[in-house]
Amino acid sequence: MKNPLKKLARLSQEFEHWTHEDLLPLWWKQSRLDNGAFYEAIGFDGKAVPAPEARVRVQARQIYCMALAWKMGWRKKSLPKKLEASIDRFLDTCLGPEGVPGMMIDIEKGELTDPQPNLYVSAYALLALAQSRKVLGGRVIDPKLDKLKNDIESLLAMPDGNGYRETVPANSIRLQNPHMHYYESLLCLYKITKLPGVREQSEALLSFAHSTFFDQRNGVVQERVNPTLEMSAREYEPGHSMEWVWLLGWRSRLFKVPLDPFAVRLYVHYCSADIPEGETPMGLAVDHSPVDPSRRLWSQTESLKAHLTIAERGPAELRLPALNRAIECGRVIQENWILEEPRGGWCDRFDADGEPLAQNIPASMFYHILVMVQELRRSTKKIRKSSLS
């Protein structure tokens, strides 16, 4: 099978089959408690790890995954009812007094153990409700969505327009990752609602990211900047650079605008590091020297999504190489990261020598994998031979 488009289609079909036959059945059965909350992890025996304390971000991500699974054709009759119950449980137990999600919760008692407001967690809560609107409809979701968004904006938006407070009280160091995921939630919200104000808000946040975190000279995304919004670090996370490539590609499709040139800058710098597919490290210096050579699965899923973005919307000379890299990345994920047992599981982390470090199968990775599979399916339908000529 020499045609790369046929290889991509085959890869997409294989991942979709695995998702419906193994991934979703495992997590549908083991992840969710009867009260609507979610466990943090599944063990390598295929059973839930019954720890009572969990991250609120995981609760939001699992709700999002339930809603996305419905979009992907996982039409369990009980899913809408259980999704609504999980949303109600989340809103009843995971929000602090300001109406914004906290950090940690006792999922059995339904009590926040760390109520500190957090932009990263809030981004996933907004993302979860936005995606759930496709399943439950606006009449059910919109009042909850509007209140959550208004409370987030009231508490966390910086008065000078310089992004958002990552926590309350505010950090003196500004963090890229929470802003990236809030940007993602705004793109999803606009896709679901088509509200012009949401598009304007997302563009304003992107402008802030451009001026604050996007390092044009080095071609990387800075993880943190000092209080005067100046970049200084010489280290970066390649997985986040690739995640931004995908987000900028989503913006291009969603708003029908050209691909932001910084996406290409990020991608070219990443490729210049000659990182083997499926082995994206956690941390590098801007000159590609190692900082944290351990590897996590999410960096690989984001790399695959970035390759697909460039294959679909990048410069002509990069499209075919990007497509081939996407295929290779997917194959390595299948061979090295997906577990044979339990079916539907994965290894979350390896050290620099390829030795597994994960103690269990974390639920936090479910979101990354499901979005990757959805993007494979979408891109396979969109990428045409003419775009690669």
Foldseek 3Di string as FASTA:
>chain_A
DPDLLVLLVVLLVVLLCLCQPFAVVLCVPAFADPQLFGAFFAFLQSHGDPDQKDWLLLLLLVLQLLLLVVVSPPCDVCSLVSSLSNLVLSQQQQADPLSAGFTMGRNVVSHRPGRWHFLQSLLSNLLSLLSSCVVHNCVSRVVVNVVSVVSQCVQFQDPVLLGTARTVVRDQKDFDNSLLSNLVSLLSNCVRPVDPVSVVVSVSSVVSQCQQFQDLVLLAGHGIDGNVSDDDDQKHFLLVLLLVLLVQLSVCVSVVHARDVSSVSNVVQVVVLVAQAQQRAGMAGSVNHDDFRKDFPLSNLSLLSNLLSCLQRNDLVSNVVSSVSSSRNSVCCVVQFQDPGPRSFGQTIAGNVRHGDDRGGTSVCSSSSSVSSVSSVVSSVRRDPVSND
